[in-house]
PDB file of N, CA and C in Angstrom:
ATOM      1  N   MET A   1       9.113  19.014 -44.241  1.00  0.00           N
ATOM      2  CA  MET A   1       9.652  18.568 -42.964  1.00  0.00           C
ATOM      3  C   MET A   1       8.841  17.374 -42.471  1.00  0.00           C
ATOM      4  N   GLU A   2       9.543  16.356 -42.008  1.00  0.00           N
ATOM      5  CA  GLU A   2       8.899  15.148 -41.511  1.00  0.00           C
ATOM      6  C   GLU A   2       8.433  15.339 -40.078  1.00  0.00           C
ATOM      7  N   GLU A   3       7.209  14.913 -39.802  1.00  0.00           N
ATOM      8  CA  GLU A   3       6.661  15.030 -38.450  1.00  0.00           C
ATOM      9  C   GLU A   3       7.186  13.897 -37.573  1.00  0.00           C
ATOM     10  N   ALA A   4       7.463  14.201 -36.320  1.00  0.00           N
ATOM     11  CA  ALA A   4       7.962  13.197 -35.378  1.00  0.00           C
ATOM     12  C   ALA A   4       6.892  12.142 -35.114  1.00  0.00           C
ATOM     13  N   GLU A   5       7.343  10.923 -34.861  1.00  0.00           N
ATOM     14  CA  GLU A   5       6.433   9.845 -34.530  1.00  0.00           C
ATOM     15  C   GLU A   5       5.737  10.166 -33.208  1.00  0.00           C
ATOM     16  N   PRO A   6       4.433   9.920 -33.091  1.00  0.00           N
ATOM     17  CA  PRO A   6       3.704  10.231 -31.851  1.00  0.00           C
ATOM     18  C   PRO A   6       4.316   9.530 -30.639  1.00  0.00           C
ATOM     19  N   ALA A   7       4.235  10.189 -29.505  1.00  0.00           N
ATOM     20  CA  ALA A   7       4.788   9.657 -28.260  1.00  0.00           C
ATOM     21  C   ALA A   7       4.205   8.281 -27.943  1.00  0.00           C
ATOM     22  N   SER A   8       2.904   8.116 -28.105  1.00  0.00           N
ATOM     23  CA  SER A   8       2.276   6.834 -27.772  1.00  0.00           C
ATOM     24  C   SER A   8       2.829   5.707 -28.632  1.00  0.00           C
ATOM     25  N   ARG A   9       3.098   5.992 -29.889  1.00  0.00           N
ATOM     26  CA  ARG A   9       3.642   4.963 -30.776  1.00  0.00           C
ATOM     27  C   ARG A   9       5.072   4.602 -30.363  1.00  0.00           C
ATOM     28  N   ARG A  10       5.876   5.608 -30.035  1.00  0.00           N
ATOM     29  CA  ARG A  10       7.256   5.347 -29.607  1.00  0.00           C
ATOM     30  C   ARG A  10       7.270   4.519 -28.322  1.00  0.00           C
ATOM     31  N   ILE A  11       6.415   4.883 -27.376  1.00  0.00           N
ATOM     32  CA  ILE A  11       6.333   4.139 -26.113  1.00  0.00           C
ATOM     33  C   ILE A  11       5.879   2.707 -26.374  1.00  0.00           C
ATOM     34  N   ALA A  12       4.821   2.548 -27.160  1.00  0.00           N
ATOM     35  CA  ALA A  12       4.275   1.211 -27.431  1.00  0.00           C
ATOM     36  C   ALA A  12       5.292   0.325 -28.145  1.00  0.00           C
ATOM     37  N   GLU A  13       6.076   0.871 -29.055  1.00  0.00           N
ATOM     38  CA  GLU A  13       7.081   0.070 -29.760  1.00  0.00           C
ATOM     39  C   GLU A  13       8.106  -0.513 -28.786  1.00  0.00           C
ATOM     40  N   VAL A  14       8.523   0.285 -27.832  1.00  0.00           N
ATOM     41  CA  VAL A  14       9.498  -0.194 -26.852  1.00  0.00           C
ATOM     42  C   VAL A  14       8.852  -1.209 -25.914  1.00  0.00           C
ATOM     43  N   VAL A  15       7.722  -0.838 -25.340  1.00  0.00           N
ATOM     44  CA  VAL A  15       7.103  -1.676 -24.310  1.00  0.00           C
ATOM     45  C   VAL A  15       6.646  -3.019 -24.866  1.00  0.00           C
ATOM     46  N   THR A  16       6.112  -3.049 -26.076  1.00  0.00           N
ATOM     47  CA  THR A  16       5.654  -4.323 -26.642  1.00  0.00           C
ATOM     48  C   THR A  16       6.805  -5.201 -27.113  1.00  0.00           C
ATOM     49  N   SER A  17       8.025  -4.694 -27.080  1.00  0.00           N
ATOM     50  CA  SER A  17       9.185  -5.532 -27.416  1.00  0.00           C
ATOM     51  C   SER A  17       9.633  -6.377 -26.222  1.00  0.00           C
ATOM     52  N   TRP A  18       9.099  -6.100 -25.031  1.00  0.00           N
ATOM     53  CA  TRP A  18       9.458  -6.859 -23.839  1.00  0.00           C
ATOM     54  C   TRP A  18       8.715  -8.197 -23.848  1.00  0.00           C
ATOM     55  N   PRO A  19       9.358  -9.266 -23.391  1.00  0.00           N
ATOM     56  CA  PRO A  19       8.711 -10.590 -23.397  1.00  0.00           C
ATOM     57  C   PRO A  19       7.362 -10.598 -22.671  1.00  0.00           C
ATOM     58  N   GLY A  20       6.360 -11.163 -23.354  1.00  0.00           N
ATOM     59  CA  GLY A  20       5.053 -11.362 -22.747  1.00  0.00           C
ATOM     60  C   GLY A  20       4.116 -10.170 -22.776  1.00  0.00           C
ATOM     61  N   VAL A  21       4.559  -9.023 -23.280  1.00  0.00           N
ATOM     62  CA  VAL A  21       3.714  -7.817 -23.252  1.00  0.00           C
ATOM     63  C   VAL A  21       2.799  -7.769 -24.462  1.00  0.00           C
ATOM     64  N   GLU A  22       1.546  -7.465 -24.187  1.00  0.00           N
ATOM     65  CA  GLU A  22       0.561  -7.208 -25.234  1.00  0.00           C
ATOM     66  C   GLU A  22      -0.042  -5.841 -24.990  1.00  0.00           C
ATOM     67  N   ALA A  23      -0.385  -5.163 -26.059  1.00  0.00           N
ATOM     68  CA  ALA A  23      -1.032  -3.859 -25.964  1.00  0.00           C
ATOM     69  C   ALA A  23      -2.384  -3.939 -26.649  1.00  0.00           C
ATOM     70  N   GLY A  24      -3.364  -3.279 -26.068  1.00  0.00           N
ATOM     71  CA  GLY A  24      -4.692  -3.286 -26.651  1.00  0.00           C
ATOM     72  C   GLY A  24      -5.564  -2.240 -26.000  1.00  0.00           C
ATOM     73  N   PRO A  25      -6.736  -2.036 -26.578  1.00  0.00           N
ATOM     74  CA  PRO A  25      -7.629  -1.010 -26.050  1.00  0.00           C
ATOM     75  C   PRO A  25      -8.215  -1.380 -24.688  1.00  0.00           C
ATOM     76  N   GLY A  26      -8.363  -0.370 -23.856  1.00  0.00           N
ATOM     77  CA  GLY A  26      -9.016  -0.545 -22.565  1.00  0.00           C
ATOM     78  C   GLY A  26     -10.481  -0.172 -22.680  1.00  0.00           C
ATOM     79  N   ARG A  27     -11.197  -0.269 -21.590  1.00  0.00           N
ATOM     80  CA  ARG A  27     -12.636   0.025 -21.585  1.00  0.00           C
ATOM     81  C   ARG A  27     -12.942   1.481 -21.902  1.00  0.00           C
ATOM     82  N   GLY A  28     -12.006   2.375 -21.564  1.00  0.00           N
ATOM     83  CA  GLY A  28     -12.237   3.802 -21.807  1.00  0.00           C
ATOM     84  C   GLY A  28     -11.517   4.347 -23.025  1.00  0.00           C
ATOM     85  N   GLY A  29     -11.047   3.467 -23.900  1.00  0.00           N
ATOM     86  CA  GLY A  29     -10.368   3.895 -25.107  1.00  0.00           C
ATOM     87  C   GLY A  29      -8.866   4.076 -24.953  1.00  0.00           C
ATOM     88  N   GLU A  30      -8.340   3.861 -23.753  1.00  0.00           N
ATOM     89  CA  GLU A  30      -6.910   3.987 -23.521  1.00  0.00           C
ATOM     90  C   GLU A  30      -6.165   2.798 -24.135  1.00  0.00           C
ATOM     91  N   LEU A  31      -4.846   2.926 -24.294  1.00  0.00           N
ATOM     92  CA  LEU A  31      -4.004   1.850 -24.775  1.00  0.00           C
ATOM     93  C   LEU A  31      -3.380   1.184 -23.560  1.00  0.00           C
ATOM     94  N   CYS A  32      -3.809  -0.052 -23.261  1.00  0.00           N
ATOM     95  CA  CYS A  32      -3.362  -0.778 -22.067  1.00  0.00           C
ATOM     96  C   CYS A  32      -2.198  -1.695 -22.402  1.00  0.00           C
ATOM     97  N   PHE A  33      -1.277  -1.781 -21.464  1.00  0.00           N
ATOM     98  CA  PHE A  33      -0.166  -2.723 -21.559  1.00  0.00           C
ATOM     99  C   PHE A  33      -0.401  -3.814 -20.532  1.00  0.00           C
ATOM    100  N   ARG A  34      -0.330  -5.075 -21.003  1.00  0.00           N
ATOM    101  CA  ARG A  34      -0.632  -6.208 -20.130  1.00  0.00           C
ATOM    102  C   ARG A  34       0.424  -7.293 -20.265  1.00  0.00           C
ATOM    103  N   ILE A  35       0.576  -8.023 -19.178  1.00  0.00           N
ATOM    104  CA  ILE A  35       1.319  -9.278 -19.163  1.00  0.00           C
ATOM    105  C   ILE A  35       0.266 -10.302 -18.772  1.00  0.00           C
ATOM    106  N   GLY A  36      -0.126 -11.129 -19.711  1.00  0.00           N
ATOM    107  CA  GLY A  36      -1.259 -12.012 -19.460  1.00  0.00           C
ATOM    108  C   GLY A  36      -2.486 -11.157 -19.209  1.00  0.00           C
ATOM    109  N   ARG A  37      -3.140 -11.383 -18.097  1.00  0.00           N
ATOM    110  CA  ARG A  37      -4.349 -10.601 -17.787  1.00  0.00           C
ATOM    111  C   ARG A  37      -4.066  -9.396 -16.888  1.00  0.00           C
ATOM    112  N   ARG A  38      -2.802  -9.201 -16.527  1.00  0.00           N
ATOM    113  CA  ARG A  38      -2.450  -8.126 -15.588  1.00  0.00           C
ATOM    114  C   ARG A  38      -2.005  -6.865 -16.312  1.00  0.00           C
ATOM    115  N   GLU A  39      -2.763  -5.805 -16.142  1.00  0.00           N
ATOM    116  CA  GLU A  39      -2.372  -4.511 -16.704  1.00  0.00           C
ATOM    117  C   GLU A  39      -1.300  -3.889 -15.811  1.00  0.00           C
ATOM    118  N   PHE A  40      -0.269  -3.311 -16.446  1.00  0.00           N
ATOM    119  CA  PHE A  40       0.766  -2.638 -15.657  1.00  0.00           C
ATOM    120  C   PHE A  40       0.925  -1.174 -16.028  1.00  0.00           C
ATOM    121  N   GLY A  41       0.003  -0.655 -16.815  1.00  0.00           N
ATOM    122  CA  GLY A  41      -0.019   0.766 -17.146  1.00  0.00           C
ATOM    123  C   GLY A  41      -0.803   0.984 -18.423  1.00  0.00           C
ATOM    124  N   HIS A  42      -1.188   2.233 -18.655  1.00  0.00           N
ATOM    125  CA  HIS A  42      -1.874   2.551 -19.902  1.00  0.00           C
ATOM    126  C   HIS A  42      -1.644   4.005 -20.298  1.00  0.00           C
ATOM    127  N   LEU A  43      -1.893   4.271 -21.579  1.00  0.00           N
ATOM    128  CA  LEU A  43      -1.712   5.605 -22.147  1.00  0.00           C
ATOM    129  C   LEU A  43      -3.052   6.165 -22.589  1.00  0.00           C
ATOM    130  N   HIS A  44      -3.219   7.445 -22.360  1.00  0.00           N
ATOM    131  CA  HIS A  44      -4.348   8.190 -22.913  1.00  0.00           C
ATOM    132  C   HIS A  44      -3.776   9.038 -24.035  1.00  0.00           C
ATOM    133  N   GLY A  45      -3.757   8.465 -25.212  1.00  0.00           N
ATOM    134  CA  GLY A  45      -3.189   9.149 -26.364  1.00  0.00           C
ATOM    135  C   GLY A  45      -1.719   9.468 -26.147  1.00  0.00           C
ATOM    136  N   ASP A  46      -1.337  10.646 -26.593  1.00  0.00           N
ATOM    137  CA  ASP A  46       0.046  11.100 -26.480  1.00  0.00           C
ATOM    138  C   ASP A  46       0.230  12.065 -25.325  1.00  0.00           C
ATOM    139  N   ARG A  47      -0.756  12.136 -24.426  1.00  0.00           N
ATOM    140  CA  ARG A  47      -0.706  13.192 -23.416  1.00  0.00           C
ATOM    141  C   ARG A  47      -0.444  12.746 -21.986  1.00  0.00           C
ATOM    142  N   VAL A  48      -0.838  11.503 -21.609  1.00  0.00           N
ATOM    143  CA  VAL A  48      -0.652  11.092 -20.214  1.00  0.00           C
ATOM    144  C   VAL A  48      -0.596   9.565 -20.105  1.00  0.00           C
ATOM    145  N   ALA A  49       0.180   9.105 -19.129  1.00  0.00           N
ATOM    146  CA  ALA A  49       0.237   7.687 -18.788  1.00  0.00           C
ATOM    147  C   ALA A  49      -0.284   7.514 -17.367  1.00  0.00           C
ATOM    148  N   HIS A  50      -0.965   6.405 -17.129  1.00  0.00           N
ATOM    149  CA  HIS A  50      -1.475   6.084 -15.790  1.00  0.00           C
ATOM    150  C   HIS A  50      -0.904   4.740 -15.347  1.00  0.00           C
ATOM    151  N   PHE A  51      -0.660   4.641 -14.051  1.00  0.00           N
ATOM    152  CA  PHE A  51      -0.038   3.464 -13.463  1.00  0.00           C
ATOM    153  C   PHE A  51      -0.719   3.123 -12.147  1.00  0.00           C
ATOM    154  N   GLY A  52      -0.560   1.873 -11.732  1.00  0.00           N
ATOM    155  CA  GLY A  52      -0.910   1.446 -10.392  1.00  0.00           C
ATOM    156  C   GLY A  52       0.321   0.804  -9.774  1.00  0.00           C
ATOM    157  N   PHE A  53       0.773   1.321  -8.659  1.00  0.00           N
ATOM    158  CA  PHE A  53       1.951   0.805  -7.961  1.00  0.00           C
ATOM    159  C   PHE A  53       1.540   0.338  -6.571  1.00  0.00           C
ATOM    160  N   PRO A  54       2.358  -0.487  -5.946  1.00  0.00           N
ATOM    161  CA  PRO A  54       2.110  -0.747  -4.525  1.00  0.00           C
ATOM    162  C   PRO A  54       2.148   0.586  -3.765  1.00  0.00           C
ATOM    163  N   ARG A  55       1.391   0.686  -2.711  1.00  0.00           N
ATOM    164  CA  ARG A  55       1.204   1.947  -1.977  1.00  0.00           C
ATOM    165  C   ARG A  55       2.525   2.653  -1.662  1.00  0.00           C
ATOM    166  N   GLU A  56       3.473   1.940  -1.069  1.00  0.00           N
ATOM    167  CA  GLU A  56       4.728   2.566  -0.659  1.00  0.00           C
ATOM    168  C   GLU A  56       5.551   3.046  -1.863  1.00  0.00           C
ATOM    169  N   LEU A  57       5.625   2.233  -2.904  1.00  0.00           N
ATOM    170  CA  LEU A  57       6.355   2.626  -4.104  1.00  0.00           C
ATOM    171  C   LEU A  57       5.701   3.832  -4.764  1.00  0.00           C
ATOM    172  N   GLY A  58       4.381   3.815  -4.870  1.00  0.00           N
ATOM    173  CA  GLY A  58       3.673   4.957  -5.459  1.00  0.00           C
ATOM    174  C   GLY A  58       3.919   6.235  -4.690  1.00  0.00           C
ATOM    175  N   ALA A  59       3.897   6.160  -3.367  1.00  0.00           N
ATOM    176  CA  ALA A  59       4.151   7.341  -2.538  1.00  0.00           C
ATOM    177  C   ALA A  59       5.579   7.836  -2.736  1.00  0.00           C
ATOM    178  N   THR A  60       6.536   6.917  -2.819  1.00  0.00           N
ATOM    179  CA  THR A  60       7.937   7.307  -3.023  1.00  0.00           C
ATOM    180  C   THR A  60       8.119   7.977  -4.383  1.00  0.00           C
ATOM    181  N   LEU A  61       7.543   7.388  -5.435  1.00  0.00           N
ATOM    182  CA  LEU A  61       7.651   7.980  -6.770  1.00  0.00           C
ATOM    183  C   LEU A  61       7.009   9.362  -6.816  1.00  0.00           C
ATOM    184  N   ARG A  62       5.908   9.519  -6.115  1.00  0.00           N
ATOM    185  CA  ARG A  62       5.234  10.817  -6.059  1.00  0.00           C
ATOM    186  C   ARG A  62       6.095  11.827  -5.308  1.00  0.00           C
ATOM    187  N   ASP A  63       6.634  11.424  -4.145  1.00  0.00           N
ATOM    188  CA  ASP A  63       7.490  12.315  -3.351  1.00  0.00           C
ATOM    189  C   ASP A  63       8.725  12.752  -4.122  1.00  0.00           C
ATOM    190  N   GLN A  64       9.255  11.875  -4.969  1.00  0.00           N
ATOM    191  CA  GLN A  64      10.454  12.182  -5.747  1.00  0.00           C
ATOM    192  C   GLN A  64      10.146  12.953  -7.035  1.00  0.00           C
ATOM    193  N   GLY A  65       8.861  13.182  -7.317  1.00  0.00           N
ATOM    194  CA  GLY A  65       8.479  13.958  -8.487  1.00  0.00           C
ATOM    195  C   GLY A  65       8.435  13.193  -9.794  1.00  0.00           C
ATOM    196  N   HIS A  66       8.503  11.854  -9.734  1.00  0.00           N
ATOM    197  CA  HIS A  66       8.461  11.051 -10.958  1.00  0.00           C
ATOM    198  C   HIS A  66       7.042  10.901 -11.501  1.00  0.00           C
ATOM    199  N   VAL A  67       6.055  10.973 -10.610  1.00  0.00           N
ATOM    200  CA  VAL A  67       4.647  10.866 -10.990  1.00  0.00           C
ATOM    201  C   VAL A  67       3.847  11.902 -10.204  1.00  0.00           C
ATOM    202  N   SER A  68       2.645  12.109 -10.670  1.00  0.00           N
ATOM    203  CA  SER A  68       1.715  12.987  -9.964  1.00  0.00           C
ATOM    204  C   SER A  68       0.480  12.167  -9.597  1.00  0.00           C
ATOM    205  N   PRO A  69      -0.412  12.722  -8.802  1.00  0.00           N
ATOM    206  CA  PRO A  69      -1.620  11.986  -8.439  1.00  0.00           C
ATOM    207  C   PRO A  69      -2.467  11.630  -9.668  1.00  0.00           C
ATOM    208  N   HIS A  70      -3.097  10.497  -9.619  1.00  0.00           N
ATOM    209  CA  HIS A  70      -4.036  10.081 -10.662  1.00  0.00           C
ATOM    210  C   HIS A  70      -5.269  10.975 -10.545  1.00  0.00           C
ATOM    211  N   PRO A  71      -5.803  11.489 -11.648  1.00  0.00           N
ATOM    212  CA  PRO A  71      -6.932  12.424 -11.553  1.00  0.00           C
ATOM    213  C   PRO A  71      -8.204  11.820 -10.958  1.00  0.00           C
ATOM    214  N   ASP A  72      -8.397  10.511 -11.101  1.00  0.00           N
ATOM    215  CA  ASP A  72      -9.602   9.881 -10.561  1.00  0.00           C
ATOM    216  C   ASP A  72      -9.498   9.550  -9.077  1.00  0.00           C
ATOM    217  N   ARG A  73      -8.270   9.388  -8.568  1.00  0.00           N
ATOM    218  CA  ARG A  73      -8.063   9.038  -7.160  1.00  0.00           C
ATOM    219  C   ARG A  73      -6.853   9.805  -6.629  1.00  0.00           C
ATOM    220  N   PRO A  74      -6.921  11.119  -6.564  1.00  0.00           N
ATOM    221  CA  PRO A  74      -5.748  11.929  -6.194  1.00  0.00           C
ATOM    222  C   PRO A  74      -5.203  11.665  -4.796  1.00  0.00           C
ATOM    223  N   GLY A  75      -6.022  11.201  -3.881  1.00  0.00           N
ATOM    224  CA  GLY A  75      -5.557  10.946  -2.530  1.00  0.00           C
ATOM    225  C   GLY A  75      -5.012   9.543  -2.319  1.00  0.00           C
ATOM    226  N   HIS A  76      -5.040   8.721  -3.342  1.00  0.00           N
ATOM    227  CA  HIS A  76      -4.599   7.336  -3.219  1.00  0.00           C
ATOM    228  C   HIS A  76      -3.178   7.213  -3.763  1.00  0.00           C
ATOM    229  N   PRO A  77      -2.190   6.918  -2.908  1.00  0.00           N
ATOM    230  CA  PRO A  77      -0.795   6.906  -3.353  1.00  0.00           C
ATOM    231  C   PRO A  77      -0.447   5.807  -4.348  1.00  0.00           C
ATOM    232  N   SER A  78      -1.262   4.774  -4.451  1.00  0.00           N
ATOM    233  CA  SER A  78      -0.972   3.687  -5.389  1.00  0.00           C
ATOM    234  C   SER A  78      -1.234   4.083  -6.837  1.00  0.00           C
ATOM    235  N   TRP A  79      -2.174   4.959  -7.057  1.00  0.00           N
ATOM    236  CA  TRP A  79      -2.548   5.363  -8.407  1.00  0.00           C
ATOM    237  C   TRP A  79      -1.731   6.586  -8.790  1.00  0.00           C
ATOM    238  N   ALA A  80      -1.186   6.582 -10.024  1.00  0.00           N
ATOM    239  CA  ALA A  80      -0.283   7.652 -10.423  1.00  0.00           C
ATOM    240  C   ALA A  80      -0.464   8.016 -11.890  1.00  0.00           C
ATOM    241  N   ALA A  81       0.007   9.210 -12.224  1.00  0.00           N
ATOM    242  CA  ALA A  81      -0.045   9.707 -13.594  1.00  0.00           C
ATOM    243  C   ALA A  81       1.285  10.362 -13.944  1.00  0.00           C
ATOM    244  N   ARG A  82       1.590  10.378 -15.225  1.00  0.00           N
ATOM    245  CA  ARG A  82       2.751  11.110 -15.723  1.00  0.00           C
ATOM    246  C   ARG A  82       2.336  11.772 -17.027  1.00  0.00           C
ATOM    247  N   THR A  83       2.390  13.095 -17.051  1.00  0.00           N
ATOM    248  CA  THR A  83       2.071  13.848 -18.255  1.00  0.00           C
ATOM    249  C   THR A  83       3.189  13.657 -19.274  1.00  0.00           C
ATOM    250  N   ILE A  84       2.814  13.603 -20.548  1.00  0.00           N
ATOM    251  CA  ILE A  84       3.780  13.433 -21.629  1.00  0.00           C
ATOM    252  C   ILE A  84       3.814  14.720 -22.438  1.00  0.00           C
ATOM    253  N   GLU A  85       4.888  15.484 -22.253  1.00  0.00           N
ATOM    254  CA  GLU A  85       5.028  16.758 -22.964  1.00  0.00           C
ATOM    255  C   GLU A  85       6.355  16.900 -23.695  1.00  0.00           C
ATOM    256  N   SER A  86       7.302  15.988 -23.428  1.00  0.00           N
ATOM    257  CA  SER A  86       8.642  16.119 -24.000  1.00  0.00           C
ATOM    258  C   SER A  86       9.250  14.741 -24.207  1.00  0.00           C
ATOM    259  N   GLU A  87      10.401  14.724 -24.849  1.00  0.00           N
ATOM    260  CA  GLU A  87      11.122  13.469 -25.033  1.00  0.00           C
ATOM    261  C   GLU A  87      11.553  12.897 -23.691  1.00  0.00           C
ATOM    262  N   ALA A  88      11.894  13.760 -22.756  1.00  0.00           N
ATOM    263  CA  ALA A  88      12.258  13.292 -21.410  1.00  0.00           C
ATOM    264  C   ALA A  88      11.073  12.593 -20.749  1.00  0.00           C
ATOM    265  N   ASP A  89       9.860  13.088 -20.980  1.00  0.00           N
ATOM    266  CA  ASP A  89       8.669  12.436 -20.430  1.00  0.00           C
ATOM    267  C   ASP A  89       8.454  11.070 -21.077  1.00  0.00           C
ATOM    268  N   VAL A  90       8.702  10.965 -22.378  1.00  0.00           N
ATOM    269  CA  VAL A  90       8.576   9.667 -23.061  1.00  0.00           C
ATOM    270  C   VAL A  90       9.521   8.670 -22.410  1.00  0.00           C
ATOM    271  N   ARG A  91      10.771   9.065 -22.207  1.00  0.00           N
ATOM    272  CA  ARG A  91      11.748   8.172 -21.569  1.00  0.00           C
ATOM    273  C   ARG A  91      11.319   7.823 -20.146  1.00  0.00           C
ATOM    274  N   ALA A  92      10.791   8.799 -19.413  1.00  0.00           N
ATOM    275  CA  ALA A  92      10.348   8.550 -18.035  1.00  0.00           C
ATOM    276  C   ALA A  92       9.174   7.574 -18.003  1.00  0.00           C
ATOM    277  N   VAL A  93       8.224   7.725 -18.916  1.00  0.00           N
ATOM    278  CA  VAL A  93       7.076   6.812 -18.974  1.00  0.00           C
ATOM    279  C   VAL A  93       7.554   5.397 -19.275  1.00  0.00           C
ATOM    280  N   ILE A  94       8.469   5.252 -20.222  1.00  0.00           N
ATOM    281  CA  ILE A  94       9.017   3.934 -20.530  1.00  0.00           C
ATOM    282  C   ILE A  94       9.683   3.354 -19.285  1.00  0.00           C
ATOM    283  N   GLY A  95      10.429   4.165 -18.561  1.00  0.00           N
ATOM    284  CA  GLY A  95      11.085   3.695 -17.338  1.00  0.00           C
ATOM    285  C   GLY A  95      10.096   3.276 -16.272  1.00  0.00           C
ATOM    286  N   LEU A  96       9.023   4.029 -16.107  1.00  0.00           N
ATOM    287  CA  LEU A  96       7.999   3.684 -15.120  1.00  0.00           C
ATOM    288  C   LEU A  96       7.257   2.409 -15.519  1.00  0.00           C
ATOM    289  N   LEU A  97       6.980   2.271 -16.805  1.00  0.00           N
ATOM    290  CA  LEU A  97       6.347   1.034 -17.277  1.00  0.00           C
ATOM    291  C   LEU A  97       7.287  -0.150 -17.075  1.00  0.00           C
ATOM    292  N   ARG A  98       8.586   0.055 -17.303  1.00  0.00           N
ATOM    293  CA  ARG A  98       9.552  -1.025 -17.096  1.00  0.00           C
ATOM    294  C   ARG A  98       9.608  -1.432 -15.624  1.00  0.00           C
ATOM    295  N   LEU A  99       9.568  -0.438 -14.754  1.00  0.00           N
ATOM    296  CA  LEU A  99       9.557  -0.709 -13.317  1.00  0.00           C
ATOM    297  C   LEU A  99       8.369  -1.595 -12.952  1.00  0.00           C
ATOM    298  N   ASN A 100       7.203  -1.247 -13.455  1.00  0.00           N
ATOM    299  CA  ASN A 100       6.007  -2.037 -13.165  1.00  0.00           C
ATOM    300  C   ASN A 100       6.067  -3.406 -13.844  1.00  0.00           C
ATOM    301  N   TYR A 101       6.564  -3.448 -15.058  1.00  0.00           N
ATOM    302  CA  TYR A 101       6.720  -4.714 -15.778  1.00  0.00           C
ATOM    303  C   TYR A 101       7.579  -5.684 -14.968  1.00  0.00           C
ATOM    304  N   GLU A 102       8.734  -5.229 -14.550  1.00  0.00           N
ATOM    305  CA  GLU A 102       9.649  -6.089 -13.795  1.00  0.00           C
ATOM    306  C   GLU A 102       9.038  -6.540 -12.478  1.00  0.00           C
ATOM    307  N   ARG A 103       8.303  -5.659 -11.848  1.00  0.00           N
ATOM    308  CA  ARG A 103       7.639  -5.997 -10.588  1.00  0.00           C
ATOM    309  C   ARG A 103       6.596  -7.086 -10.806  1.00  0.00           C
ATOM    310  N   VAL A 104       5.788  -6.955 -11.846  1.00  0.00           N
ATOM    311  CA  VAL A 104       4.745  -7.939 -12.134  1.00  0.00           C
ATOM    312  C   VAL A 104       5.357  -9.277 -12.553  1.00  0.00           C
ATOM    313  N   VAL A 105       6.372  -9.252 -13.412  1.00  0.00           N
ATOM    314  CA  VAL A 105       7.010 -10.496 -13.842  1.00  0.00           C
ATOM    315  C   VAL A 105       7.659 -11.205 -12.656  1.00  0.00           C
ATOM    316  N   ALA A 106       8.298 -10.446 -11.774  1.00  0.00           N
ATOM    317  CA  ALA A 106       8.939 -11.059 -10.605  1.00  0.00           C
ATOM    318  C   ALA A 106       7.903 -11.742  -9.713  1.00  0.00           C
ATOM    319  N   ARG A 107       6.745 -11.147  -9.607  1.00  0.00           N
ATOM    320  CA  ARG A 107       5.718 -11.706  -8.715  1.00  0.00           C
ATOM    321  C   ARG A 107       4.912 -12.829  -9.355  1.00  0.00           C
ATOM    322  N   PHE A 108       4.544 -12.650 -10.638  1.00  0.00           N
ATOM    323  CA  PHE A 108       3.609 -13.581 -11.272  1.00  0.00           C
ATOM    324  C   PHE A 108       4.197 -14.387 -12.430  1.00  0.00           C
ATOM    325  N   GLY A 109       5.380 -14.028 -12.902  1.00  0.00           N
ATOM    326  CA  GLY A 109       5.971 -14.702 -14.046  1.00  0.00           C
ATOM    327  C   GLY A 109       5.379 -14.219 -15.356  1.00  0.00           C
ATOM    328  N   LEU A 110       5.860 -14.813 -16.433  1.00  0.00           N
ATOM    329  CA  LEU A 110       5.358 -14.483 -17.770  1.00  0.00           C
ATOM    330  C   LEU A 110       4.177 -15.376 -18.123  1.00  0.00           C
ATOM    331  N   PRO A 111       3.345 -14.971 -19.081  1.00  0.00           N
ATOM    332  CA  PRO A 111       2.216 -15.809 -19.488  1.00  0.00           C
ATOM    333  C   PRO A 111       2.683 -17.205 -19.876  1.00  0.00           C
ATOM    334  N   GLY A 112       1.905 -18.193 -19.462  1.00  0.00           N
ATOM    335  CA  GLY A 112       2.239 -19.573 -19.758  1.00  0.00           C
ATOM    336  C   GLY A 112       3.045 -20.244 -18.659  1.00  0.00           C
ATOM    337  N   GLN A 113       3.577 -19.462 -17.740  1.00  0.00           N
ATOM    338  CA  GLN A 113       4.280 -20.040 -16.614  1.00  0.00           C
ATOM    339  C   GLN A 113       3.260 -20.405 -15.554  1.00  0.00           C
ATOM    340  N   ALA A 114       3.554 -21.374 -14.747  1.00  0.00           N
ATOM    341  CA  ALA A 114       2.597 -21.884 -13.744  1.00  0.00           C
ATOM    342  C   ALA A 114       2.114 -20.777 -12.818  1.00  0.00           C
ATOM    343  N   SER A 115       2.976 -19.805 -12.471  1.00  0.00           N
ATOM    344  CA  SER A 115       2.585 -18.765 -11.525  1.00  0.00           C
ATOM    345  C   SER A 115       1.576 -17.786 -12.115  1.00  0.00           C
ATOM    346  N   ASP A 116       1.396 -17.787 -13.457  1.00  0.00           N
ATOM    347  CA  ASP A 116       0.443 -16.868 -14.088  1.00  0.00           C
ATOM    348  C   ASP A 116      -0.995 -17.214 -13.741  1.00  0.00           C
ATOM    349  N   GLU A 117      -1.249 -18.412 -13.321  1.00  0.00           N
ATOM    350  CA  GLU A 117      -2.608 -18.831 -13.003  1.00  0.00           C
ATOM    351  C   GLU A 117      -3.062 -18.399 -11.618  1.00  0.00           C
ATOM    352  N   GLN A 118      -2.163 -17.856 -10.813  1.00  0.00           N
ATOM    353  CA  GLN A 118      -2.510 -17.447  -9.441  1.00  0.00           C
ATOM    354  C   GLN A 118      -3.384 -16.237  -9.416  1.00  0.00           C
TER     355      GLN A 118
END
């Protein structure tokens, strides 16, 4: 029987297909997703994803049950986590990363664009 591809690999394949996205190791060994120098989320193996959202968006996502508090800053609504335990979680993490990707691109543009230097 063939083993399923790890969640982190499936997520990374999708996310790195988006224009301007690079993936690489973070300071704590996590897999970070960046547009230029701006990180928009990261994975801790196949078990959890972490995000930073604007305060109001993070609070809304938390209230709606899409994310849970970040373990390092549980009282801060901008920081969020999503556990990865199922295929539905993989899809949700990709969706949350896409949400952050689109938000960052809308604000700062893609690498090489004049707004990336701000």
